Amino acid sequence: MPLHSYVLALSCRNRAGIVAAVSMHLFEMGANISDAQQFDDTLSGQFFMRVVFEVSGLSVETLETSFAEIVERFGMDLRIRDRAEPRKVMILVSKFDHCLVDLLYRRRIGELAMDVTAVVANHPRETYAHVEFTDTSFHYLPANKADKTAQEGKILQLIETTGTEIVVLARYMQILSHDFAAALQGRCINIHHSFLPGFKGAKPYHQAHERGVKIIGATAHFVTPDLDEGPIIEQDVEHISHHDTPDTLVRKGRDIERRVLARALSHLLEDRVLLNGHRTVVFKD
């Protein structure tokens, strides 16, 4: 019987014997470990581990059940996923569609192994006339300030009915309600421009130009009820100069937002991100 590939991710309080217990158990099940990464956070006392392994003839449910004693012994938060099963992802978007188009393209060429359950927009379909939505369900759910709860309720219902695992705010320019953000905590990510100093409100790139910034950037983070303060997954920067205009800052900003969001989503799809309080542990290649 051919080997099948799985990924295991776990976190728990650090103590002696964790790696030995996990490795020995996999060995006894006839599994072959092809990649293993671990991190001992001495500040929080937490231990984190990601293991890719191959084994034949076992389901995810059987594998998770087999770890029950180890999970109880060490007080682990452990999950196992079949790497052949693409994660189910929903993309929320507003008028600016550069991140949306980039994610759909990366999915089409196989760079992002995901099943896009739906694209939800608060602008009508005509806004994205140039976007190819082949095999992708599109939903226009306008944001109405007078009835925001109803709109968010429809999104949550769509997430449930489609079995969506990860929600991506691909420049979804709406302030989420506390309850909506709380419902998606730990499985929703956002992309946000990053400046120093911070520029709030409209036209941040124009504000940055007025202040003569020398670096712009973007941050991908988990969504929490505290707006734009969730655990950070990925960041990057772009150097600029006095030659740059507000328009070139916008262009460079779009480019960095695209690649930072794509990297963050890739990490999630591959089970490389583990929450560590207000921080994250990201096991990169």
C-alpha atoms as a PDB file:
ATOM      1  CA  MET A   1       0.000   0.000   0.000  1.00  0.00           C
ATOM      2  CA  PRO A   2       1.455   3.422  -0.972  1.00  0.00           C
ATOM      3  CA  LEU A   3       2.472   5.914   1.694  1.00  0.00           C
ATOM      4  CA  HIS A   4       0.239   8.922   2.332  1.00  0.00           C
ATOM      5  CA  SER A   5       1.481  12.306   3.556  1.00  0.00           C
ATOM      6  CA  TYR A   6       0.190  14.057   6.673  1.00  0.00           C
ATOM      7  CA  VAL A   7       1.192  17.099   8.698  1.00  0.00           C
ATOM      8  CA  LEU A   8       1.022  17.231  12.492  1.00  0.00           C
ATOM      9  CA  ALA A   9       1.153  20.479  14.461  1.00  0.00           C
ATOM     10  CA  LEU A  10       1.132  20.731  18.246  1.00  0.00           C
ATOM     11  CA  SER A  11       1.688  23.079  21.139  1.00  0.00           C
ATOM     12  CA  CYS A  12       1.835  22.512  24.909  1.00  0.00           C
ATOM     13  CA  ARG A  13       3.736  23.475  28.035  1.00  0.00           C
ATOM     14  CA  ASN A  14       7.357  22.498  27.567  1.00  0.00           C
ATOM     15  CA  ARG A  15       8.663  19.497  29.483  1.00  0.00           C
ATOM     16  CA  ALA A  16      11.069  16.642  28.861  1.00  0.00           C
ATOM     17  CA  GLY A  17      10.040  13.799  26.583  1.00  0.00           C
ATOM     18  CA  ILE A  18       7.699  15.510  24.104  1.00  0.00           C
ATOM     19  CA  VAL A  19       9.787  14.935  20.981  1.00  0.00           C
ATOM     20  CA  ALA A  20      10.640  11.395  22.037  1.00  0.00           C
ATOM     21  CA  ALA A  21       6.992  10.521  22.664  1.00  0.00           C
ATOM     22  CA  VAL A  22       5.789  11.875  19.318  1.00  0.00           C
ATOM     23  CA  SER A  23       8.669  10.382  17.318  1.00  0.00           C
ATOM     24  CA  MET A  24       8.422   6.970  18.963  1.00  0.00           C
ATOM     25  CA  HIS A  25       4.670   6.826  18.471  1.00  0.00           C
ATOM     26  CA  LEU A  26       5.025   7.589  14.759  1.00  0.00           C
ATOM     27  CA  PHE A  27       7.762   4.968  14.490  1.00  0.00           C
ATOM     28  CA  GLU A  28       5.560   2.363  16.147  1.00  0.00           C
ATOM     29  CA  MET A  29       2.794   3.143  13.658  1.00  0.00           C
ATOM     30  CA  GLY A  30       5.157   2.531  10.776  1.00  0.00           C
ATOM     31  CA  ALA A  31       5.387   6.195   9.784  1.00  0.00           C
ATOM     32  CA  ASN A  32       8.345   7.856   8.118  1.00  0.00           C
ATOM     33  CA  ILE A  33       9.168  11.419   9.250  1.00  0.00           C
ATOM     34  CA  SER A  34      10.226  13.544   6.271  1.00  0.00           C
ATOM     35  CA  ASP A  35      10.416  16.924   8.012  1.00  0.00           C
ATOM     36  CA  ALA A  36      10.335  18.080  11.633  1.00  0.00           C
ATOM     37  CA  GLN A  37      10.660  21.516  13.227  1.00  0.00           C
ATOM     38  CA  GLN A  38      10.322  22.534  16.844  1.00  0.00           C
ATOM     39  CA  PHE A  39      10.573  25.629  18.999  1.00  0.00           C
ATOM     40  CA  ASP A  40      10.915  26.024  22.750  1.00  0.00           C
ATOM     41  CA  ASP A  41       9.732  29.495  23.764  1.00  0.00           C
ATOM     42  CA  THR A  42      11.660  30.088  26.968  1.00  0.00           C
ATOM     43  CA  LEU A  43       9.715  33.291  27.635  1.00  0.00           C
ATOM     44  CA  SER A  44       6.269  31.694  27.685  1.00  0.00           C
ATOM     45  CA  GLY A  45       7.332  28.153  28.567  1.00  0.00           C
ATOM     46  CA  GLN A  46       5.440  26.838  25.564  1.00  0.00           C
ATOM     47  CA  PHE A  47       6.665  24.196  23.129  1.00  0.00           C
ATOM     48  CA  PHE A  48       5.714  24.053  19.453  1.00  0.00           C
ATOM     49  CA  MET A  49       6.280  21.350  16.866  1.00  0.00           C
ATOM     50  CA  ARG A  50       5.439  20.641  13.223  1.00  0.00           C
ATOM     51  CA  VAL A  51       6.025  17.210  11.703  1.00  0.00           C
ATOM     52  CA  VAL A  52       5.460  15.993   8.142  1.00  0.00           C
ATOM     53  CA  PHE A  53       5.230  12.224   7.929  1.00  0.00           C
ATOM     54  CA  GLU A  54       4.148   9.452   5.585  1.00  0.00           C
ATOM     55  CA  VAL A  55       2.212   6.351   6.577  1.00  0.00           C
ATOM     56  CA  SER A  56      -0.065   3.914   4.754  1.00  0.00           C
ATOM     57  CA  GLY A  57      -3.590   2.748   5.416  1.00  0.00           C
ATOM     58  CA  LEU A  58      -4.559   5.157   8.217  1.00  0.00           C
ATOM     59  CA  SER A  59      -7.132   7.963   8.295  1.00  0.00           C
ATOM     60  CA  VAL A  60      -6.752  11.323  10.011  1.00  0.00           C
ATOM     61  CA  GLU A  61      -9.336  10.250  12.594  1.00  0.00           C
ATOM     62  CA  THR A  62      -7.429   7.054  13.358  1.00  0.00           C
ATOM     63  CA  LEU A  63      -4.150   8.951  13.677  1.00  0.00           C
ATOM     64  CA  GLU A  64      -5.620  11.574  16.012  1.00  0.00           C
ATOM     65  CA  THR A  65      -7.260   8.907  18.162  1.00  0.00           C
ATOM     66  CA  SER A  66      -3.970   7.052  18.418  1.00  0.00           C
ATOM     67  CA  PHE A  67      -2.355  10.157  19.923  1.00  0.00           C
ATOM     68  CA  ALA A  68      -5.022  10.498  22.648  1.00  0.00           C
ATOM     69  CA  GLU A  69      -2.836   9.227  25.488  1.00  0.00           C
ATOM     70  CA  ILE A  70       0.095  11.446  24.494  1.00  0.00           C
ATOM     71  CA  VAL A  71      -2.195  14.465  24.120  1.00  0.00           C
ATOM     72  CA  GLU A  72      -3.616  13.894  27.609  1.00  0.00           C
ATOM     73  CA  ARG A  73      -0.212  13.216  29.168  1.00  0.00           C
ATOM     74  CA  PHE A  74       1.328  16.453  27.916  1.00  0.00           C
ATOM     75  CA  GLY A  75      -1.819  18.605  27.741  1.00  0.00           C
ATOM     76  CA  MET A  76      -1.306  19.127  24.021  1.00  0.00           C
ATOM     77  CA  ASP A  77      -3.244  21.089  21.459  1.00  0.00           C
ATOM     78  CA  LEU A  78      -2.641  18.736  18.515  1.00  0.00           C
ATOM     79  CA  ARG A  79      -4.012  18.597  14.999  1.00  0.00           C
ATOM     80  CA  ILE A  80      -3.280  16.307  12.061  1.00  0.00           C
ATOM     81  CA  ARG A  81      -4.219  17.027   8.460  1.00  0.00           C
ATOM     82  CA  ASP A  82      -4.114  15.021   5.257  1.00  0.00           C
ATOM     83  CA  ARG A  83      -1.830  17.060   2.990  1.00  0.00           C
ATOM     84  CA  ALA A  84      -3.709  15.852  -0.087  1.00  0.00           C
ATOM     85  CA  GLU A  85      -6.876  17.623   1.108  1.00  0.00           C
ATOM     86  CA  PRO A  86      -6.843  21.328   0.120  1.00  0.00           C
ATOM     87  CA  ARG A  87      -7.943  23.798   2.779  1.00  0.00           C
ATOM     88  CA  LYS A  88     -11.263  25.560   2.195  1.00  0.00           C
ATOM     89  CA  VAL A  89     -10.744  29.319   1.888  1.00  0.00           C
ATOM     90  CA  MET A  90     -13.191  32.214   1.529  1.00  0.00           C
ATOM     91  CA  ILE A  91     -11.961  35.568   0.189  1.00  0.00           C
ATOM     92  CA  LEU A  92     -13.602  38.855   1.165  1.00  0.00           C
ATOM     93  CA  VAL A  93     -12.865  41.866  -1.031  1.00  0.00           C
ATOM     94  CA  SER A  94     -13.870  45.473  -1.594  1.00  0.00           C
ATOM     95  CA  LYS A  95     -13.108  47.771  -4.540  1.00  0.00           C
ATOM     96  CA  PHE A  96      -9.327  47.221  -4.658  1.00  0.00           C
ATOM     97  CA  ASP A  97      -8.884  43.769  -6.176  1.00  0.00           C
ATOM     98  CA  HIS A  98      -5.098  43.368  -6.557  1.00  0.00           C
ATOM     99  CA  CYS A  99      -4.840  40.879  -3.679  1.00  0.00           C
ATOM    100  CA  LEU A 100      -7.902  38.956  -4.879  1.00  0.00           C
ATOM    101  CA  VAL A 101      -6.543  38.605  -8.416  1.00  0.00           C
ATOM    102  CA  ASP A 102      -3.135  37.545  -7.104  1.00  0.00           C
ATOM    103  CA  LEU A 103      -4.571  34.841  -4.828  1.00  0.00           C
ATOM    104  CA  LEU A 104      -6.784  33.428  -7.583  1.00  0.00           C
ATOM    105  CA  TYR A 105      -3.814  33.363  -9.960  1.00  0.00           C
ATOM    106  CA  ARG A 106      -1.586  31.585  -7.437  1.00  0.00           C
ATOM    107  CA  ARG A 107      -4.339  29.041  -6.871  1.00  0.00           C
ATOM    108  CA  ARG A 108      -4.723  28.481 -10.621  1.00  0.00           C
ATOM    109  CA  ILE A 109      -1.015  27.742 -11.142  1.00  0.00           C
ATOM    110  CA  GLY A 110      -0.912  25.469  -8.098  1.00  0.00           C
ATOM    111  CA  GLU A 111       1.183  27.728  -5.863  1.00  0.00           C
ATOM    112  CA  LEU A 112      -1.588  27.928  -3.271  1.00  0.00           C
ATOM    113  CA  ALA A 113      -3.215  24.548  -2.688  1.00  0.00           C
ATOM    114  CA  MET A 114      -6.681  25.670  -1.648  1.00  0.00           C
ATOM    115  CA  ASP A 115     -10.338  25.269  -2.491  1.00  0.00           C
ATOM    116  CA  VAL A 116     -11.902  28.735  -2.764  1.00  0.00           C
ATOM    117  CA  THR A 117     -15.387  28.236  -1.359  1.00  0.00           C
ATOM    118  CA  ALA A 118     -16.545  31.735  -2.311  1.00  0.00           C
ATOM    119  CA  VAL A 119     -15.523  35.277  -3.102  1.00  0.00           C
ATOM    120  CA  VAL A 120     -17.642  37.710  -1.093  1.00  0.00           C
ATOM    121  CA  ALA A 121     -17.650  41.375  -2.134  1.00  0.00           C
ATOM    122  CA  ASN A 122     -19.385  44.480  -0.906  1.00  0.00           C
ATOM    123  CA  HIS A 123     -19.326  45.830  -4.476  1.00  0.00           C
ATOM    124  CA  PRO A 124     -21.398  44.439  -7.389  1.00  0.00           C
ATOM    125  CA  ARG A 125     -20.074  41.832  -9.837  1.00  0.00           C
ATOM    126  CA  GLU A 126     -19.514  44.474 -12.559  1.00  0.00           C
ATOM    127  CA  THR A 127     -16.728  45.971 -10.427  1.00  0.00           C
ATOM    128  CA  TYR A 128     -14.679  42.847 -11.121  1.00  0.00           C
ATOM    129  CA  ALA A 129     -15.641  42.363 -14.801  1.00  0.00           C
ATOM    130  CA  HIS A 130     -11.991  41.681 -15.692  1.00  0.00           C
ATOM    131  CA  VAL A 131     -11.563  38.982 -13.010  1.00  0.00           C
ATOM    132  CA  GLU A 132     -11.878  35.323 -14.008  1.00  0.00           C
ATOM    133  CA  PHE A 133     -14.142  33.540 -11.518  1.00  0.00           C
ATOM    134  CA  THR A 134     -14.124  30.132 -13.214  1.00  0.00           C
ATOM    135  CA  ASP A 135     -15.264  27.479 -10.711  1.00  0.00           C
ATOM    136  CA  THR A 136     -15.470  30.174  -8.017  1.00  0.00           C
ATOM    137  CA  SER A 137     -18.744  31.225  -6.426  1.00  0.00           C
ATOM    138  CA  PHE A 138     -19.233  35.016  -6.269  1.00  0.00           C
ATOM    139  CA  HIS A 139     -21.517  36.669  -3.701  1.00  0.00           C
ATOM    140  CA  TYR A 140     -22.424  40.340  -3.614  1.00  0.00           C
ATOM    141  CA  LEU A 141     -23.283  41.266  -0.034  1.00  0.00           C
ATOM    142  CA  PRO A 142     -23.365  45.067   0.235  1.00  0.00           C
ATOM    143  CA  ALA A 143     -22.295  46.607   3.525  1.00  0.00           C
ATOM    144  CA  ASN A 144     -25.117  48.655   4.955  1.00  0.00           C
ATOM    145  CA  LYS A 145     -24.235  50.742   7.990  1.00  0.00           C
ATOM    146  CA  ALA A 146     -27.849  50.647   9.088  1.00  0.00           C
ATOM    147  CA  ASP A 147     -27.936  46.856   9.088  1.00  0.00           C
ATOM    148  CA  LYS A 148     -24.330  45.668   9.349  1.00  0.00           C
ATOM    149  CA  THR A 149     -25.289  42.802  11.639  1.00  0.00           C
ATOM    150  CA  ALA A 150     -27.506  41.257   8.959  1.00  0.00           C
ATOM    151  CA  GLN A 151     -24.747  41.427   6.329  1.00  0.00           C
ATOM    152  CA  GLU A 152     -22.188  39.858   8.658  1.00  0.00           C
ATOM    153  CA  GLY A 153     -24.738  37.206   9.591  1.00  0.00           C
ATOM    154  CA  LYS A 154     -25.083  36.235   5.935  1.00  0.00           C
ATOM    155  CA  ILE A 155     -21.298  35.922   5.643  1.00  0.00           C
ATOM    156  CA  LEU A 156     -21.123  33.734   8.754  1.00  0.00           C
ATOM    157  CA  GLN A 157     -23.915  31.541   7.404  1.00  0.00           C
ATOM    158  CA  LEU A 158     -22.060  31.196   4.095  1.00  0.00           C
ATOM    159  CA  ILE A 159     -18.878  30.249   5.971  1.00  0.00           C
ATOM    160  CA  GLU A 160     -20.777  27.524   7.815  1.00  0.00           C
ATOM    161  CA  THR A 161     -22.633  26.091   4.817  1.00  0.00           C
ATOM    162  CA  THR A 162     -19.476  25.946   2.666  1.00  0.00           C
ATOM    163  CA  GLY A 163     -17.323  24.425   5.410  1.00  0.00           C
ATOM    164  CA  THR A 164     -14.854  27.297   5.092  1.00  0.00           C
ATOM    165  CA  GLU A 165     -11.745  26.858   7.267  1.00  0.00           C
ATOM    166  CA  ILE A 166      -9.860  30.086   6.531  1.00  0.00           C
ATOM    167  CA  VAL A 167     -11.239  33.556   5.748  1.00  0.00           C
ATOM    168  CA  VAL A 168      -8.985  36.049   3.961  1.00  0.00           C
ATOM    169  CA  LEU A 169      -9.673  39.783   4.015  1.00  0.00           C
ATOM    170  CA  ALA A 170      -8.078  40.675   0.682  1.00  0.00           C
ATOM    171  CA  ARG A 171      -8.317  44.439   1.131  1.00  0.00           C
ATOM    172  CA  TYR A 172     -11.834  44.127   2.497  1.00  0.00           C
ATOM    173  CA  MET A 173     -12.311  47.730   3.525  1.00  0.00           C
ATOM    174  CA  GLN A 174     -14.930  47.284   6.211  1.00  0.00           C
ATOM    175  CA  ILE A 175     -14.596  47.625   9.963  1.00  0.00           C
ATOM    176  CA  LEU A 176     -15.702  44.316  11.416  1.00  0.00           C
ATOM    177  CA  SER A 177     -18.012  44.229  14.393  1.00  0.00           C
ATOM    178  CA  HIS A 178     -16.677  42.847  17.674  1.00  0.00           C
ATOM    179  CA  ASP A 179     -18.930  39.780  17.475  1.00  0.00           C
ATOM    180  CA  PHE A 180     -18.032  39.036  13.846  1.00  0.00           C
ATOM    181  CA  ALA A 181     -14.288  39.286  14.516  1.00  0.00           C
ATOM    182  CA  ALA A 182     -14.622  37.146  17.633  1.00  0.00           C
ATOM    183  CA  ALA A 183     -16.493  34.451  15.689  1.00  0.00           C
ATOM    184  CA  LEU A 184     -13.634  34.230  13.178  1.00  0.00           C
ATOM    185  CA  GLN A 185     -10.751  34.546  15.630  1.00  0.00           C
ATOM    186  CA  GLY A 186      -7.894  32.202  14.806  1.00  0.00           C
ATOM    187  CA  ARG A 187      -9.095  31.479  11.267  1.00  0.00           C
ATOM    188  CA  CYS A 188      -9.305  34.890   9.607  1.00  0.00           C
ATOM    189  CA  ILE A 189      -6.359  36.937   8.296  1.00  0.00           C
ATOM    190  CA  ASN A 190      -6.049  40.498   7.051  1.00  0.00           C
ATOM    191  CA  ILE A 191      -3.510  42.509   5.061  1.00  0.00           C
ATOM    192  CA  HIS A 192      -2.659  45.985   6.278  1.00  0.00           C
ATOM    193  CA  HIS A 193      -0.245  48.670   5.156  1.00  0.00           C
ATOM    194  CA  SER A 194       2.572  49.360   7.599  1.00  0.00           C
ATOM    195  CA  PHE A 195       4.140  52.759   8.030  1.00  0.00           C
ATOM    196  CA  LEU A 196       6.280  54.433  10.647  1.00  0.00           C
ATOM    197  CA  PRO A 197       4.789  56.662  11.909  1.00  0.00           C
ATOM    198  CA  GLY A 198       1.329  55.157  11.506  1.00  0.00           C
ATOM    199  CA  PHE A 199      -1.066  56.937   9.185  1.00  0.00           C
ATOM    200  CA  LYS A 200      -4.711  56.361   9.938  1.00  0.00           C
ATOM    201  CA  GLY A 201      -7.707  57.131   7.783  1.00  0.00           C
ATOM    202  CA  ALA A 202      -7.957  57.721   4.059  1.00  0.00           C
ATOM    203  CA  LYS A 203      -5.042  57.813   1.603  1.00  0.00           C
ATOM    204  CA  PRO A 204      -2.264  56.522   3.891  1.00  0.00           C
ATOM    205  CA  TYR A 205       0.241  56.449   1.013  1.00  0.00           C
ATOM    206  CA  HIS A 206      -0.402  60.110   0.291  1.00  0.00           C
ATOM    207  CA  GLN A 207       0.071  60.912   3.985  1.00  0.00           C
ATOM    208  CA  ALA A 208       3.324  58.932   3.962  1.00  0.00           C
ATOM    209  CA  HIS A 209       4.552  60.882   0.961  1.00  0.00           C
ATOM    210  CA  GLU A 210       3.821  64.163   2.715  1.00  0.00           C
ATOM    211  CA  ARG A 211       5.929  63.029   5.678  1.00  0.00           C
ATOM    212  CA  GLY A 212       8.802  61.830   3.481  1.00  0.00           C
ATOM    213  CA  VAL A 213       8.923  58.208   4.658  1.00  0.00           C
ATOM    214  CA  LYS A 214      11.824  56.081   3.443  1.00  0.00           C
ATOM    215  CA  ILE A 215      10.276  52.635   4.005  1.00  0.00           C
ATOM    216  CA  ILE A 216       6.779  51.367   3.364  1.00  0.00           C
ATOM    217  CA  GLY A 217       5.535  47.910   4.180  1.00  0.00           C
ATOM    218  CA  ALA A 218       2.669  45.528   4.759  1.00  0.00           C
ATOM    219  CA  THR A 219       1.589  43.241   7.582  1.00  0.00           C
ATOM    220  CA  ALA A 220      -0.548  40.115   7.404  1.00  0.00           C
ATOM    221  CA  HIS A 221      -2.099  39.236  10.745  1.00  0.00           C
ATOM    222  CA  PHE A 222      -4.908  37.330  12.389  1.00  0.00           C
ATOM    223  CA  VAL A 223      -8.134  39.238  12.823  1.00  0.00           C
ATOM    224  CA  THR A 224      -9.201  39.879  16.413  1.00  0.00           C
ATOM    225  CA  PRO A 225     -11.834  42.127  18.005  1.00  0.00           C
ATOM    226  CA  ASP A 226      -8.972  44.622  18.566  1.00  0.00           C
ATOM    227  CA  LEU A 227      -8.748  46.220  15.115  1.00  0.00           C
ATOM    228  CA  ASP A 228      -5.405  45.632  13.348  1.00  0.00           C
ATOM    229  CA  GLU A 229      -3.788  44.336  16.534  1.00  0.00           C
ATOM    230  CA  GLY A 230      -4.002  40.584  15.956  1.00  0.00           C
ATOM    231  CA  PRO A 231      -1.003  38.209  16.032  1.00  0.00           C
ATOM    232  CA  ILE A 232       1.326  38.916  13.106  1.00  0.00           C
ATOM    233  CA  ILE A 233       2.008  36.173  10.560  1.00  0.00           C
ATOM    234  CA  GLU A 234       4.126  37.883   7.891  1.00  0.00           C
ATOM    235  CA  GLN A 235       5.672  41.307   7.174  1.00  0.00           C
ATOM    236  CA  ASP A 236       7.859  42.887   4.525  1.00  0.00           C
ATOM    237  CA  VAL A 237       9.150  46.310   3.560  1.00  0.00           C
ATOM    238  CA  GLU A 238      10.072  48.254   0.447  1.00  0.00           C
ATOM    239  CA  HIS A 239      12.651  51.044   0.361  1.00  0.00           C
ATOM    240  CA  ILE A 240      11.617  54.263  -1.356  1.00  0.00           C
ATOM    241  CA  SER A 241      13.235  57.632  -2.038  1.00  0.00           C
ATOM    242  CA  HIS A 242      12.504  61.276  -2.709  1.00  0.00           C
ATOM    243  CA  HIS A 243      11.883  60.349  -6.359  1.00  0.00           C
ATOM    244  CA  ASP A 244       8.723  58.462  -5.429  1.00  0.00           C
ATOM    245  CA  THR A 245       5.345  60.118  -5.863  1.00  0.00           C
ATOM    246  CA  PRO A 246       2.090  59.205  -4.113  1.00  0.00           C
ATOM    247  CA  ASP A 247       1.167  57.182  -7.204  1.00  0.00           C
ATOM    248  CA  THR A 248       4.387  55.143  -7.151  1.00  0.00           C
ATOM    249  CA  LEU A 249       3.923  54.547  -3.414  1.00  0.00           C
ATOM    250  CA  VAL A 250       0.446  53.183  -4.119  1.00  0.00           C
ATOM    251  CA  ARG A 251       1.852  50.941  -6.867  1.00  0.00           C
ATOM    252  CA  LYS A 252       4.683  49.647  -4.677  1.00  0.00           C
ATOM    253  CA  GLY A 253       2.263  49.288  -1.771  1.00  0.00           C
ATOM    254  CA  ARG A 254      -0.049  47.095  -3.828  1.00  0.00           C
ATOM    255  CA  ASP A 255       2.846  44.873  -4.825  1.00  0.00           C
ATOM    256  CA  ILE A 256       4.053  44.340  -1.264  1.00  0.00           C
ATOM    257  CA  GLU A 257       0.500  43.761  -0.010  1.00  0.00           C
ATOM    258  CA  ARG A 258       0.041  41.035  -2.620  1.00  0.00           C
ATOM    259  CA  ARG A 259       3.189  39.117  -1.782  1.00  0.00           C
ATOM    260  CA  VAL A 260       2.893  39.435   2.018  1.00  0.00           C
ATOM    261  CA  LEU A 261      -0.719  38.217   2.003  1.00  0.00           C
ATOM    262  CA  ALA A 262       0.158  35.327  -0.322  1.00  0.00           C
ATOM    263  CA  ARG A 263       3.043  34.235   1.916  1.00  0.00           C
ATOM    264  CA  ALA A 264       0.901  34.427   5.047  1.00  0.00           C
ATOM    265  CA  LEU A 265      -1.870  32.390   3.452  1.00  0.00           C
ATOM    266  CA  SER A 266       0.657  29.842   2.187  1.00  0.00           C
ATOM    267  CA  HIS A 267       1.971  29.408   5.746  1.00  0.00           C
ATOM    268  CA  LEU A 268      -1.575  28.772   6.990  1.00  0.00           C
ATOM    269  CA  LEU A 269      -2.401  26.337   4.206  1.00  0.00           C
ATOM    270  CA  GLU A 270       0.688  24.312   5.094  1.00  0.00           C
ATOM    271  CA  ASP A 271      -0.036  24.322   8.863  1.00  0.00           C
ATOM    272  CA  ARG A 272       3.105  26.329   9.600  1.00  0.00           C
ATOM    273  CA  VAL A 273       1.452  28.888  11.895  1.00  0.00           C
ATOM    274  CA  LEU A 274       0.803  28.229  15.587  1.00  0.00           C
ATOM    275  CA  LEU A 275      -0.614  30.822  17.946  1.00  0.00           C
ATOM    276  CA  ASN A 276       1.523  31.767  20.935  1.00  0.00           C
ATOM    277  CA  GLY A 277      -0.614  34.161  22.930  1.00  0.00           C
ATOM    278  CA  HIS A 278      -0.525  37.505  21.105  1.00  0.00           C
ATOM    279  CA  ARG A 279       2.315  36.236  18.919  1.00  0.00           C
ATOM    280  CA  THR A 280       2.795  33.476  16.386  1.00  0.00           C
ATOM    281  CA  VAL A 281       5.298  30.734  15.718  1.00  0.00           C
ATOM    282  CA  VAL A 282       5.811  30.372  11.960  1.00  0.00           C
ATOM    283  CA  PHE A 283       7.776  27.339  10.813  1.00  0.00           C
ATOM    284  CA  LYS A 284       9.151  28.418   7.438  1.00  0.00           C
ATOM    285  CA  ASP A 285      10.870  26.289   4.798  1.00  0.00           C
END
